[in-house]
N, C-alpha and C. Protein backbone atom coordinates (compact mmCIF):
# COMPACT_ATOMS: atom_id res chain seq x y z
N UNK A 1 7.49 -7.09 5.93
CA UNK A 1 6.35 -7.91 5.60
C UNK A 1 5.62 -8.01 6.92
N UNK A 2 4.20 -7.94 6.75
CA UNK A 2 3.36 -8.18 8.02
C UNK A 2 2.62 -9.37 7.80
N UNK A 3 2.73 -10.24 8.91
CA UNK A 3 2.04 -11.53 8.77
C UNK A 3 1.45 -12.04 10.21
N UNK A 4 0.55 -12.98 10.10
CA UNK A 4 -0.22 -13.35 11.30
C UNK A 4 0.42 -14.75 11.71
N UNK A 5 0.91 -14.84 13.04
CA UNK A 5 1.71 -16.00 13.24
C UNK A 5 0.50 -17.05 13.85
N UNK A 6 1.13 -18.26 14.14
CA UNK A 6 0.22 -19.37 14.52
C UNK A 6 -0.83 -19.03 15.73
N UNK A 7 -0.16 -18.19 16.58
CA UNK A 7 -0.93 -17.83 17.75
C UNK A 7 -1.94 -16.63 17.35
N UNK A 8 -2.16 -16.22 16.21
CA UNK A 8 -3.21 -15.21 15.82
C UNK A 8 -2.43 -13.75 15.99
N UNK A 9 -1.42 -13.60 16.51
CA UNK A 9 -0.79 -12.25 16.67
C UNK A 9 -0.09 -11.73 15.36
N UNK A 10 -0.23 -10.48 15.21
CA UNK A 10 0.29 -9.86 14.00
C UNK A 10 1.79 -9.50 14.21
N UNK A 11 2.71 -10.02 13.42
CA UNK A 11 4.13 -9.74 13.59
C UNK A 11 4.42 -9.10 12.28
N UNK A 12 5.60 -8.13 12.42
CA UNK A 12 6.28 -7.69 11.14
C UNK A 12 7.54 -8.11 10.95
N UNK A 13 7.98 -8.46 9.70
CA UNK A 13 9.17 -9.02 9.38
C UNK A 13 8.94 -10.35 8.66
N UNK A 14 9.82 -10.55 7.58
CA UNK A 14 9.75 -11.85 6.75
C UNK A 14 10.10 -13.01 7.65
N UNK A 15 9.49 -14.20 7.40
CA UNK A 15 10.04 -15.36 7.87
C UNK A 15 10.17 -16.40 6.91
N UNK A 16 10.18 -15.89 5.70
CA UNK A 16 10.32 -16.96 4.50
C UNK A 16 11.52 -16.80 3.75
N UNK A 17 12.62 -16.18 4.24
CA UNK A 17 13.92 -16.09 3.65
C UNK A 17 13.80 -15.05 2.33
N UNK A 18 12.80 -14.17 2.55
CA UNK A 18 12.62 -13.21 1.50
C UNK A 18 13.86 -12.19 1.39
N UNK A 19 14.58 -11.95 2.28
CA UNK A 19 15.66 -10.93 2.23
C UNK A 19 16.78 -11.75 1.42
N UNK A 20 17.02 -12.82 1.68
CA UNK A 20 17.93 -13.69 0.89
C UNK A 20 17.78 -13.59 -0.58
N UNK A 21 16.44 -13.77 -0.90
CA UNK A 21 15.96 -13.93 -2.19
C UNK A 21 16.24 -12.42 -2.83
N UNK A 22 15.76 -11.46 -2.28
CA UNK A 22 16.11 -10.02 -2.83
C UNK A 22 17.48 -9.82 -2.95
N UNK A 23 18.36 -10.39 -1.95
CA UNK A 23 19.81 -9.99 -2.23
C UNK A 23 20.29 -10.72 -3.40
N UNK A 24 19.62 -11.96 -3.70
CA UNK A 24 20.09 -12.52 -4.91
C UNK A 24 19.77 -11.97 -6.16
N UNK A 25 18.65 -11.14 -6.30
CA UNK A 25 18.14 -10.48 -7.30
C UNK A 25 19.17 -9.24 -7.38
N UNK A 26 19.48 -8.66 -6.27
CA UNK A 26 20.54 -7.51 -6.27
C UNK A 26 21.85 -7.77 -6.83
N UNK A 27 22.34 -9.02 -6.58
CA UNK A 27 23.52 -9.43 -6.95
C UNK A 27 23.51 -9.79 -8.56
N UNK A 28 22.34 -10.22 -8.95
CA UNK A 28 22.26 -10.50 -10.44
C UNK A 28 22.02 -9.22 -11.29
N UNK A 29 21.30 -8.19 -10.63
CA UNK A 29 20.92 -7.01 -11.46
C UNK A 29 21.21 -5.98 -10.70
N UNK A 30 22.54 -5.64 -10.52
CA UNK A 30 22.95 -4.51 -9.53
C UNK A 30 22.38 -3.11 -9.97
N UNK A 31 22.24 -2.85 -11.28
CA UNK A 31 21.79 -1.70 -11.77
C UNK A 31 20.29 -1.47 -11.72
N UNK A 32 19.72 -2.40 -11.39
CA UNK A 32 18.20 -2.35 -11.19
C UNK A 32 17.61 -2.60 -9.86
N UNK A 33 18.25 -3.39 -8.99
CA UNK A 33 17.84 -3.75 -7.68
C UNK A 33 18.69 -3.34 -6.67
N UNK A 34 18.11 -2.76 -5.62
CA UNK A 34 18.96 -2.39 -4.41
C UNK A 34 18.24 -2.81 -3.25
N UNK A 35 18.96 -3.38 -2.30
CA UNK A 35 18.27 -4.02 -0.94
C UNK A 35 18.71 -3.21 0.21
N UNK A 36 17.81 -2.63 0.99
CA UNK A 36 18.27 -1.99 2.28
C UNK A 36 17.39 -2.58 3.53
N UNK A 37 18.06 -2.58 4.54
CA UNK A 37 17.46 -3.15 5.78
C UNK A 37 17.54 -2.01 7.00
N UNK A 38 16.99 -2.08 7.98
CA UNK A 38 17.11 -1.32 9.16
C UNK A 38 18.47 -1.73 9.72
N UNK A 39 19.02 -0.79 10.56
CA UNK A 39 20.29 -1.15 11.25
C UNK A 39 20.21 -2.48 12.00
N UNK A 40 21.16 -3.22 11.74
CA UNK A 40 21.26 -4.73 12.40
C UNK A 40 20.15 -5.70 11.81
N UNK A 41 19.27 -5.23 10.84
CA UNK A 41 18.36 -5.95 10.37
C UNK A 41 17.05 -6.16 11.34
N UNK A 42 17.04 -4.96 12.13
CA UNK A 42 15.99 -4.91 12.98
C UNK A 42 14.62 -4.68 12.42
N UNK A 43 13.62 -5.28 13.10
CA UNK A 43 12.24 -5.28 12.54
C UNK A 43 11.43 -3.92 13.17
N UNK A 44 11.18 -2.91 12.41
CA UNK A 44 10.57 -1.75 13.15
C UNK A 44 9.24 -1.50 12.77
N UNK A 45 8.65 -2.48 12.17
CA UNK A 45 7.22 -2.15 11.76
C UNK A 45 6.96 -1.81 10.40
N UNK A 46 5.67 -1.88 9.88
CA UNK A 46 5.32 -1.36 8.50
C UNK A 46 5.62 -0.07 8.12
N UNK A 47 5.08 0.93 9.08
CA UNK A 47 5.30 2.34 8.79
C UNK A 47 6.69 2.76 8.61
N UNK A 48 7.57 2.43 9.67
CA UNK A 48 8.93 2.85 9.57
C UNK A 48 9.56 2.32 8.36
N UNK A 49 9.33 0.96 8.05
CA UNK A 49 9.97 0.39 7.03
C UNK A 49 9.73 1.06 5.55
N UNK A 50 8.34 1.46 5.50
CA UNK A 50 7.94 2.26 4.21
C UNK A 50 8.63 3.52 4.15
N UNK A 51 8.78 4.31 5.38
CA UNK A 51 9.40 5.54 5.48
C UNK A 51 10.90 5.44 5.01
N UNK A 52 11.49 4.35 5.58
CA UNK A 52 12.90 4.05 5.13
C UNK A 52 13.10 3.96 3.60
N UNK A 53 12.11 3.14 3.10
CA UNK A 53 12.05 3.03 1.61
C UNK A 53 11.93 4.48 0.80
N UNK A 54 10.92 5.12 1.45
CA UNK A 54 10.79 6.48 0.69
C UNK A 54 12.01 7.50 0.76
N UNK A 55 12.83 7.28 1.88
CA UNK A 55 13.86 8.11 2.10
C UNK A 55 15.06 7.82 0.97
N UNK A 56 14.94 6.29 0.63
CA UNK A 56 16.04 5.96 -0.41
C UNK A 56 15.62 6.11 -1.81
N UNK A 57 14.30 6.29 -2.07
CA UNK A 57 13.84 6.39 -3.41
C UNK A 57 14.40 7.56 -4.09
N UNK A 58 14.71 7.30 -5.47
CA UNK A 58 15.21 8.49 -6.25
C UNK A 58 14.44 8.69 -7.51
N UNK A 59 13.56 7.86 -8.02
CA UNK A 59 12.87 7.88 -9.21
C UNK A 59 11.80 9.02 -9.16
N UNK A 60 11.22 9.12 -10.25
CA UNK A 60 9.97 10.18 -10.37
C UNK A 60 8.84 9.60 -9.90
N UNK A 61 8.67 8.34 -9.65
CA UNK A 61 7.40 7.66 -9.31
C UNK A 61 7.70 6.76 -8.22
N UNK A 62 6.54 6.54 -7.28
CA UNK A 62 6.54 5.47 -6.44
C UNK A 62 5.45 4.57 -6.46
N UNK A 63 5.70 3.18 -6.22
CA UNK A 63 4.80 2.19 -6.16
C UNK A 63 5.21 1.17 -5.10
N UNK A 64 4.41 0.84 -4.34
CA UNK A 64 4.64 -0.22 -3.14
C UNK A 64 4.15 -1.54 -3.67
N UNK A 65 4.60 -2.57 -3.10
CA UNK A 65 4.15 -3.86 -3.41
C UNK A 65 4.48 -4.81 -2.09
N UNK A 66 3.56 -5.35 -1.40
CA UNK A 66 3.71 -6.39 -0.42
C UNK A 66 4.35 -7.72 -0.94
N UNK A 67 5.11 -8.44 -0.33
CA UNK A 67 5.63 -9.69 -0.80
C UNK A 67 4.75 -10.68 -1.21
N UNK A 68 3.54 -10.68 -0.80
CA UNK A 68 2.52 -11.65 -1.08
C UNK A 68 1.60 -11.38 -2.15
N UNK A 69 1.62 -10.09 -2.83
CA UNK A 69 0.86 -9.62 -3.80
C UNK A 69 1.60 -9.69 -5.25
N UNK A 70 0.66 -9.47 -6.33
CA UNK A 70 1.35 -9.54 -7.56
C UNK A 70 0.72 -8.37 -8.46
N UNK A 71 1.49 -7.89 -9.45
CA UNK A 71 1.32 -6.75 -10.25
C UNK A 71 1.13 -7.25 -11.64
N UNK A 72 0.26 -6.79 -12.37
CA UNK A 72 0.03 -7.03 -13.85
C UNK A 72 1.31 -6.66 -14.53
N UNK A 73 1.73 -7.40 -15.60
CA UNK A 73 2.91 -6.88 -16.17
C UNK A 73 3.09 -5.52 -16.75
N UNK A 74 1.79 -5.00 -17.19
CA UNK A 74 1.74 -3.70 -17.83
C UNK A 74 1.44 -2.68 -16.89
N UNK A 75 1.24 -2.98 -15.62
CA UNK A 75 0.73 -2.11 -14.59
C UNK A 75 1.30 -0.67 -14.57
N UNK A 76 2.69 -0.74 -14.33
CA UNK A 76 3.38 0.50 -14.23
C UNK A 76 3.42 1.23 -15.69
N UNK A 77 3.59 0.65 -16.82
CA UNK A 77 3.60 1.32 -17.96
C UNK A 77 2.30 1.93 -18.26
N UNK A 78 1.22 1.27 -18.04
CA UNK A 78 -0.16 1.97 -18.14
C UNK A 78 -0.25 3.14 -17.28
N UNK A 79 0.06 3.19 -15.99
CA UNK A 79 -0.10 4.15 -15.12
C UNK A 79 0.72 5.45 -15.26
N UNK A 80 2.17 5.00 -15.74
CA UNK A 80 3.06 6.15 -16.02
C UNK A 80 2.42 6.96 -17.12
N UNK A 81 1.99 6.16 -18.17
CA UNK A 81 1.39 6.84 -19.49
C UNK A 81 0.27 7.76 -18.96
N UNK A 82 -0.58 7.37 -18.04
CA UNK A 82 -1.75 8.21 -17.77
C UNK A 82 -1.23 9.22 -16.88
N UNK A 83 -0.24 9.19 -16.06
CA UNK A 83 0.20 10.45 -15.20
C UNK A 83 1.02 11.42 -16.27
N UNK A 84 1.45 10.96 -17.26
CA UNK A 84 2.22 11.74 -18.13
C UNK A 84 1.47 12.70 -19.25
N UNK A 85 0.16 12.39 -19.30
CA UNK A 85 -0.64 13.16 -20.18
C UNK A 85 -1.63 13.96 -19.53
N UNK A 86 -2.07 15.10 -19.97
CA UNK A 86 -3.01 15.96 -19.31
C UNK A 86 -4.46 15.38 -19.29
N UNK A 87 -5.24 15.76 -18.27
CA UNK A 87 -4.95 16.74 -17.09
C UNK A 87 -3.99 16.10 -16.27
N UNK A 88 -3.07 16.85 -15.71
CA UNK A 88 -1.99 16.31 -14.91
C UNK A 88 -2.69 16.05 -13.47
N UNK A 89 -2.46 14.86 -12.98
CA UNK A 89 -2.70 14.53 -11.59
C UNK A 89 -1.37 13.94 -10.88
N UNK A 90 -1.65 13.94 -9.45
CA UNK A 90 -0.47 13.67 -8.76
C UNK A 90 -0.33 11.99 -8.47
N UNK A 91 -1.52 11.36 -8.42
CA UNK A 91 -1.55 10.04 -8.28
C UNK A 91 -2.76 9.20 -8.75
N UNK A 92 -2.55 7.98 -8.99
CA UNK A 92 -3.59 7.23 -9.55
C UNK A 92 -3.61 5.89 -9.01
N UNK A 93 -4.65 5.26 -8.97
CA UNK A 93 -4.95 3.96 -8.39
C UNK A 93 -5.96 3.26 -9.30
N UNK A 94 -6.21 1.84 -8.92
CA UNK A 94 -6.95 0.92 -9.75
C UNK A 94 -7.74 -0.09 -8.78
N UNK A 95 -7.90 -1.24 -9.34
CA UNK A 95 -8.39 -2.41 -8.65
C UNK A 95 -7.51 -3.41 -8.59
N UNK A 96 -7.87 -4.20 -7.71
CA UNK A 96 -7.20 -5.61 -7.53
C UNK A 96 -7.97 -6.74 -7.33
N UNK A 97 -7.87 -7.84 -7.97
CA UNK A 97 -8.72 -8.95 -7.71
C UNK A 97 -8.07 -9.95 -6.67
N UNK A 98 -9.07 -10.35 -5.83
CA UNK A 98 -8.57 -11.24 -4.74
C UNK A 98 -8.21 -12.74 -5.08
N UNK A 99 -7.23 -13.14 -4.67
CA UNK A 99 -6.92 -14.62 -5.17
C UNK A 99 -6.58 -15.49 -3.75
N UNK A 100 -6.74 -16.74 -4.09
CA UNK A 100 -6.36 -17.69 -2.91
C UNK A 100 -4.68 -17.68 -2.79
N UNK A 101 -4.28 -18.32 -1.82
CA UNK A 101 -2.77 -18.36 -1.49
C UNK A 101 -2.09 -18.89 -2.67
N UNK A 102 -2.64 -20.05 -3.32
CA UNK A 102 -2.23 -20.51 -4.67
C UNK A 102 -2.33 -19.82 -5.91
N UNK A 103 -2.76 -18.41 -5.81
CA UNK A 103 -2.98 -17.47 -6.82
C UNK A 103 -4.02 -17.81 -7.73
N UNK A 104 -5.14 -18.56 -7.13
CA UNK A 104 -6.31 -18.91 -7.76
C UNK A 104 -7.50 -17.70 -7.56
N UNK A 105 -8.33 -17.49 -8.55
CA UNK A 105 -9.22 -16.42 -8.36
C UNK A 105 -10.36 -16.84 -7.25
N UNK A 106 -10.68 -16.08 -6.36
CA UNK A 106 -11.61 -16.32 -5.42
C UNK A 106 -13.01 -16.42 -6.20
N UNK A 107 -13.95 -17.23 -5.61
CA UNK A 107 -15.14 -17.50 -6.27
C UNK A 107 -15.92 -16.05 -6.46
N UNK A 108 -16.48 -15.75 -7.58
CA UNK A 108 -17.09 -14.65 -7.83
C UNK A 108 -16.22 -13.37 -8.37
N UNK A 109 -15.08 -13.85 -8.40
CA UNK A 109 -13.90 -12.81 -8.77
C UNK A 109 -14.11 -11.44 -8.12
N UNK A 110 -13.80 -11.75 -6.66
CA UNK A 110 -13.90 -10.59 -5.88
C UNK A 110 -12.83 -9.62 -6.05
N UNK A 111 -13.35 -8.28 -6.16
CA UNK A 111 -12.41 -7.16 -6.37
C UNK A 111 -12.17 -6.31 -5.13
N UNK A 112 -11.06 -5.70 -4.98
CA UNK A 112 -10.72 -4.80 -3.93
C UNK A 112 -10.43 -3.50 -4.65
N UNK A 113 -11.16 -2.42 -4.21
CA UNK A 113 -10.90 -1.11 -4.74
C UNK A 113 -12.17 -0.55 -5.23
N UNK A 114 -12.56 0.91 -4.97
CA UNK A 114 -13.65 1.39 -5.48
C UNK A 114 -13.36 2.82 -5.95
N UNK A 115 -14.22 3.42 -6.66
CA UNK A 115 -13.84 4.69 -7.46
C UNK A 115 -14.45 5.83 -6.31
N UNK A 116 -13.61 6.25 -5.54
CA UNK A 116 -14.09 7.48 -4.64
C UNK A 116 -14.20 8.64 -5.46
N UNK A 117 -13.66 8.91 -6.51
CA UNK A 117 -13.80 10.06 -7.45
C UNK A 117 -15.27 10.32 -7.84
N UNK A 118 -16.12 9.44 -7.80
CA UNK A 118 -17.35 9.60 -8.28
C UNK A 118 -18.40 9.85 -7.10
N UNK A 119 -17.89 9.85 -5.93
CA UNK A 119 -18.65 10.26 -4.66
C UNK A 119 -18.70 11.65 -4.51
N UNK A 120 -19.85 12.10 -3.99
CA UNK A 120 -20.32 13.56 -3.73
C UNK A 120 -19.12 14.04 -2.99
N UNK A 121 -18.66 13.48 -1.90
CA UNK A 121 -17.38 14.06 -1.10
C UNK A 121 -16.43 13.03 -1.12
N UNK A 122 -15.59 12.99 -1.95
CA UNK A 122 -14.45 11.77 -2.17
C UNK A 122 -13.74 11.61 -0.72
N UNK A 123 -13.37 12.71 -0.16
CA UNK A 123 -12.55 12.65 1.00
C UNK A 123 -13.33 11.95 2.17
N UNK A 124 -14.75 12.31 2.32
CA UNK A 124 -15.51 11.90 3.32
C UNK A 124 -15.68 10.32 3.21
N UNK A 125 -15.88 9.99 1.89
CA UNK A 125 -16.15 8.54 1.60
C UNK A 125 -14.84 7.70 1.95
N UNK A 126 -13.51 8.15 1.56
CA UNK A 126 -12.54 7.45 1.92
C UNK A 126 -12.10 7.45 3.42
N UNK A 127 -12.58 8.47 4.23
CA UNK A 127 -12.49 8.42 5.67
C UNK A 127 -13.23 7.32 6.36
N UNK A 128 -14.42 7.05 5.69
CA UNK A 128 -15.52 6.13 6.10
C UNK A 128 -14.82 4.70 5.93
N UNK A 129 -14.33 4.38 4.56
CA UNK A 129 -13.75 3.18 4.31
C UNK A 129 -12.60 3.24 3.38
N UNK A 130 -11.70 2.41 3.64
CA UNK A 130 -10.54 2.47 2.66
C UNK A 130 -10.72 1.71 1.52
N UNK A 131 -10.99 2.27 0.36
CA UNK A 131 -11.34 1.92 -0.89
C UNK A 131 -9.97 1.70 -1.93
N UNK A 132 -8.85 2.02 -1.29
CA UNK A 132 -7.77 2.18 -2.26
C UNK A 132 -6.70 0.91 -1.92
N UNK A 133 -6.55 0.02 -2.97
CA UNK A 133 -5.58 -1.06 -2.62
C UNK A 133 -4.14 -0.33 -2.77
N UNK A 134 -3.34 -0.50 -1.75
CA UNK A 134 -2.13 0.18 -1.98
C UNK A 134 -1.27 -0.18 -3.03
N UNK A 135 -1.11 -1.39 -3.44
CA UNK A 135 -0.33 -2.02 -4.34
C UNK A 135 -0.78 -1.52 -5.90
N UNK A 136 -1.85 -0.84 -5.99
CA UNK A 136 -2.37 -0.44 -7.18
C UNK A 136 -2.15 1.02 -7.41
N UNK A 137 -1.59 1.64 -6.38
CA UNK A 137 -1.23 3.10 -6.53
C UNK A 137 0.29 3.42 -7.27
N UNK A 138 0.03 4.40 -8.06
CA UNK A 138 1.35 4.98 -8.38
C UNK A 138 1.25 6.55 -8.29
N UNK A 139 2.20 6.94 -7.77
CA UNK A 139 2.19 8.42 -7.48
C UNK A 139 3.50 9.10 -7.66
N UNK A 140 3.42 10.34 -7.78
CA UNK A 140 4.93 11.10 -7.94
C UNK A 140 5.69 11.23 -6.68
N UNK A 141 6.93 11.01 -6.76
CA UNK A 141 7.61 10.90 -5.48
C UNK A 141 7.63 12.21 -4.80
N UNK A 142 7.63 13.29 -5.63
CA UNK A 142 7.76 14.75 -4.89
C UNK A 142 6.49 14.93 -4.27
N UNK A 143 5.31 14.38 -4.79
CA UNK A 143 4.13 14.65 -4.03
C UNK A 143 3.97 13.99 -2.87
N UNK A 144 4.44 12.75 -2.74
CA UNK A 144 4.40 12.01 -1.50
C UNK A 144 5.27 12.64 -0.52
N UNK A 145 6.34 13.10 -0.93
CA UNK A 145 7.23 14.04 0.05
C UNK A 145 6.37 15.13 0.72
N UNK A 146 5.55 15.72 0.04
CA UNK A 146 4.73 16.81 0.45
C UNK A 146 3.70 16.30 1.43
N UNK A 147 3.08 14.94 1.14
CA UNK A 147 2.06 14.49 1.90
C UNK A 147 2.63 14.20 3.34
N UNK A 148 4.07 13.56 3.16
CA UNK A 148 4.70 13.36 4.70
C UNK A 148 4.64 11.91 4.88
N UNK A 149 5.48 11.46 5.86
CA UNK A 149 5.79 10.04 6.16
C UNK A 149 4.51 9.35 6.79
N UNK A 150 4.53 8.03 6.52
CA UNK A 150 3.49 7.27 7.29
C UNK A 150 3.82 7.47 8.91
N UNK A 151 2.56 7.14 9.55
CA UNK A 151 2.79 7.38 10.99
C UNK A 151 3.15 6.26 11.72
N UNK A 152 4.16 6.26 12.37
CA UNK A 152 4.77 5.40 13.15
C UNK A 152 3.94 4.56 14.13
N UNK A 153 3.96 3.23 13.93
CA UNK A 153 3.16 2.21 14.81
C UNK A 153 1.69 2.10 14.49
N UNK A 154 1.28 2.70 13.45
CA UNK A 154 -0.16 2.69 12.85
C UNK A 154 -0.23 1.49 11.90
N UNK A 155 -0.87 0.57 12.43
CA UNK A 155 -0.94 -0.67 11.35
C UNK A 155 -1.80 -0.34 10.14
N UNK A 156 -2.71 0.24 10.15
CA UNK A 156 -3.37 0.78 8.82
C UNK A 156 -2.81 2.09 8.38
N UNK A 157 -1.59 2.32 8.41
CA UNK A 157 -1.03 3.70 7.90
C UNK A 157 -1.23 3.96 6.51
N UNK A 158 -1.45 2.97 5.77
CA UNK A 158 -1.81 3.18 4.19
C UNK A 158 -3.10 4.04 4.22
N UNK A 159 -4.10 3.43 4.87
CA UNK A 159 -5.47 4.21 4.80
C UNK A 159 -5.18 5.60 5.22
N UNK A 160 -4.52 5.86 6.25
CA UNK A 160 -4.31 7.33 6.72
C UNK A 160 -3.48 8.07 5.78
N UNK A 161 -2.66 7.58 5.03
CA UNK A 161 -1.78 8.30 4.07
C UNK A 161 -2.61 8.65 2.80
N UNK A 162 -3.52 7.61 2.49
CA UNK A 162 -4.28 8.11 1.29
C UNK A 162 -5.31 9.13 1.53
N UNK A 163 -5.76 9.32 2.81
CA UNK A 163 -6.75 10.24 3.24
C UNK A 163 -5.85 11.62 3.24
N UNK A 164 -4.70 11.55 3.76
CA UNK A 164 -3.94 12.90 3.60
C UNK A 164 -3.62 13.20 2.07
N UNK A 165 -3.34 12.21 1.42
CA UNK A 165 -3.07 12.44 0.07
C UNK A 165 -4.26 13.24 -0.80
N UNK A 166 -5.49 12.53 -0.48
CA UNK A 166 -6.47 13.11 -1.20
C UNK A 166 -6.90 14.56 -0.69
N UNK A 167 -6.60 14.83 0.56
CA UNK A 167 -6.82 16.09 1.15
C UNK A 167 -5.88 17.14 0.66
N UNK A 168 -4.72 16.58 -0.28
CA UNK A 168 -3.77 17.56 -0.92
C UNK A 168 -4.13 17.45 -2.44
N UNK A 169 -4.48 16.57 -2.99
CA UNK A 169 -4.77 16.39 -4.40
C UNK A 169 -5.77 15.45 -4.94
N UNK A 170 -6.56 15.70 -5.79
CA UNK A 170 -7.52 14.80 -6.33
C UNK A 170 -6.74 13.50 -6.82
N UNK A 171 -7.34 12.44 -6.60
CA UNK A 171 -6.73 11.16 -7.28
C UNK A 171 -7.52 10.92 -8.41
N UNK A 172 -6.82 9.88 -9.37
CA UNK A 172 -7.44 9.59 -10.52
C UNK A 172 -7.69 8.11 -10.44
N UNK A 173 -8.80 7.43 -10.80
CA UNK A 173 -9.00 5.89 -10.74
C UNK A 173 -9.15 5.48 -12.29
N UNK A 174 -8.50 4.32 -12.42
CA UNK A 174 -8.56 3.51 -13.71
C UNK A 174 -9.33 2.36 -13.53
N UNK A 175 -10.43 2.09 -14.10
CA UNK A 175 -11.39 1.03 -13.81
C UNK A 175 -10.67 -0.24 -14.40
N UNK A 176 -9.59 -0.55 -13.95
CA UNK A 176 -8.82 -1.81 -14.43
C UNK A 176 -8.22 -2.52 -13.27
N UNK A 177 -8.22 -3.78 -13.49
CA UNK A 177 -7.51 -4.73 -12.61
C UNK A 177 -6.07 -4.84 -12.92
N UNK A 178 -5.20 -4.31 -11.87
CA UNK A 178 -3.95 -4.24 -12.31
C UNK A 178 -2.89 -4.93 -11.23
N UNK A 179 -3.69 -5.69 -10.31
CA UNK A 179 -2.81 -6.22 -9.25
C UNK A 179 -3.66 -7.53 -8.82
N UNK A 180 -3.03 -8.40 -8.11
CA UNK A 180 -3.84 -9.53 -7.41
C UNK A 180 -3.34 -9.57 -5.83
N UNK A 181 -4.48 -9.42 -5.21
CA UNK A 181 -4.33 -9.27 -3.76
C UNK A 181 -4.49 -10.79 -3.19
N UNK A 182 -3.34 -11.22 -2.59
CA UNK A 182 -3.53 -12.73 -1.99
C UNK A 182 -4.08 -12.74 -0.67
N UNK A 183 -5.26 -13.57 -0.61
CA UNK A 183 -5.94 -13.73 0.68
C UNK A 183 -5.34 -15.10 1.34
N UNK A 184 -4.95 -15.04 2.55
CA UNK A 184 -4.41 -16.23 3.23
C UNK A 184 -4.45 -15.95 4.75
N UNK A 185 -4.14 -17.04 5.47
CA UNK A 185 -4.31 -16.88 6.88
C UNK A 185 -3.50 -16.01 7.72
N UNK A 186 -2.45 -15.20 6.92
CA UNK A 186 -1.42 -14.46 7.68
C UNK A 186 -1.63 -12.90 7.12
N UNK A 187 -2.71 -12.62 6.72
CA UNK A 187 -3.07 -11.20 6.36
C UNK A 187 -3.14 -10.39 7.38
N UNK A 188 -2.81 -9.13 7.45
CA UNK A 188 -2.92 -8.35 8.76
C UNK A 188 -4.31 -7.71 8.81
N UNK A 189 -5.05 -7.62 7.82
CA UNK A 189 -6.31 -6.69 7.74
C UNK A 189 -7.41 -7.73 7.26
N UNK A 190 -7.18 -8.92 6.97
CA UNK A 190 -8.24 -9.91 6.47
C UNK A 190 -8.59 -10.87 7.62
N UNK A 191 -9.75 -11.17 7.87
CA UNK A 191 -10.20 -12.01 8.87
C UNK A 191 -9.94 -11.69 10.36
N UNK A 192 -9.81 -10.24 10.42
CA UNK A 192 -9.62 -9.65 11.65
C UNK A 192 -10.89 -9.66 12.43
N UNK A 193 -10.86 -9.77 13.80
CA UNK A 193 -12.17 -9.63 14.51
C UNK A 193 -12.54 -8.21 14.40
N UNK A 194 -14.04 -8.11 14.54
CA UNK A 194 -14.58 -6.92 14.26
C UNK A 194 -14.13 -5.78 15.23
N UNK A 195 -14.12 -6.08 16.59
CA UNK A 195 -13.55 -5.18 17.48
C UNK A 195 -12.26 -4.74 17.37
N UNK A 196 -11.36 -5.77 16.98
CA UNK A 196 -9.87 -5.37 16.70
C UNK A 196 -9.82 -4.34 15.38
N UNK A 197 -10.65 -4.70 14.33
CA UNK A 197 -10.63 -3.99 13.21
C UNK A 197 -11.04 -2.56 13.53
N UNK A 198 -12.17 -2.36 14.27
CA UNK A 198 -12.72 -1.10 14.79
C UNK A 198 -11.68 -0.33 15.34
N UNK A 199 -10.98 -0.92 16.50
CA UNK A 199 -9.91 -0.13 17.19
C UNK A 199 -8.78 0.43 16.32
N UNK A 200 -8.38 -0.55 15.32
CA UNK A 200 -7.41 0.08 14.34
C UNK A 200 -8.01 1.08 13.54
N UNK A 201 -9.30 1.17 13.18
CA UNK A 201 -9.86 2.10 12.26
C UNK A 201 -9.80 3.33 13.12
N UNK A 202 -10.22 3.33 14.48
CA UNK A 202 -10.34 4.54 15.34
C UNK A 202 -8.71 5.05 15.50
N UNK A 203 -7.89 4.30 15.46
CA UNK A 203 -6.42 4.84 15.57
C UNK A 203 -6.15 5.61 14.26
N UNK A 204 -6.74 5.15 13.22
CA UNK A 204 -6.45 5.99 11.94
C UNK A 204 -7.15 7.32 12.10
N UNK A 205 -8.35 7.45 12.77
CA UNK A 205 -9.15 8.58 12.86
C UNK A 205 -8.45 9.58 13.85
N UNK A 206 -8.01 8.93 14.94
CA UNK A 206 -7.36 9.79 15.84
C UNK A 206 -5.98 10.50 15.25
N UNK A 207 -5.13 9.61 14.50
CA UNK A 207 -4.20 10.40 13.96
C UNK A 207 -4.45 11.36 12.96
N UNK A 208 -5.51 11.16 12.12
CA UNK A 208 -5.95 12.15 11.21
C UNK A 208 -6.39 13.55 11.87
N UNK A 209 -7.13 13.22 13.04
CA UNK A 209 -7.65 14.42 13.89
C UNK A 209 -6.46 15.20 14.39
N UNK A 210 -5.52 14.51 15.00
CA UNK A 210 -4.36 15.31 15.71
C UNK A 210 -3.54 15.89 14.52
N UNK A 211 -3.40 15.53 13.34
CA UNK A 211 -2.73 16.18 12.37
C UNK A 211 -3.39 17.40 11.66
N UNK A 212 -4.84 17.23 11.89
CA UNK A 212 -5.74 18.40 11.38
C UNK A 212 -5.72 19.61 12.62
N UNK A 213 -5.40 19.16 13.86
CA UNK A 213 -5.58 20.12 14.73
C UNK A 213 -4.13 20.77 15.14
N UNK A 214 -3.01 20.09 14.41
CA UNK A 214 -1.70 20.78 14.65
C UNK A 214 -1.53 22.16 13.80
């Protein structure tokens, strides 16, 4: 989990007892839930944590979910059904509605997520702005293995990974709200100062350029 502390600094690692909750579910549903941590319970950042999860994954599909966001009950069912029918695509995403910390819809029913597939140059559009809510994505595990791991130490590594994925395969967009994106004072990418946000975006661009030149 990535959260903002009382001093405004971004920290990685849950401070809400989430690990104990997860282990409780694993004890109750050992055939469905598995819990992994870094060695010694060490906090290694978002990217390394995601990469560790990808290494442990065994199913045909991958879907990530931050601990403060919510998925619609039929999200996975609808997206698996979509990926299983032609034309075959490697990954699909949709929209998320923004909610308060108490799970109330924000005024105006603000939505996160846009259809890059309709752009003249989808890849260029995604490079300019991240329009893909990570929790709405469902992708084939084999495909993400080909895309490669998240970049270590890159706070906006999801943005970078979607650009790399789109460079390998077209994405499909479902004009449906399949998740709720919770807005609160501890978000890593909401309410960030413009200069800080720009620096993080530039870090994404540098990482992409280095990979393109390799």
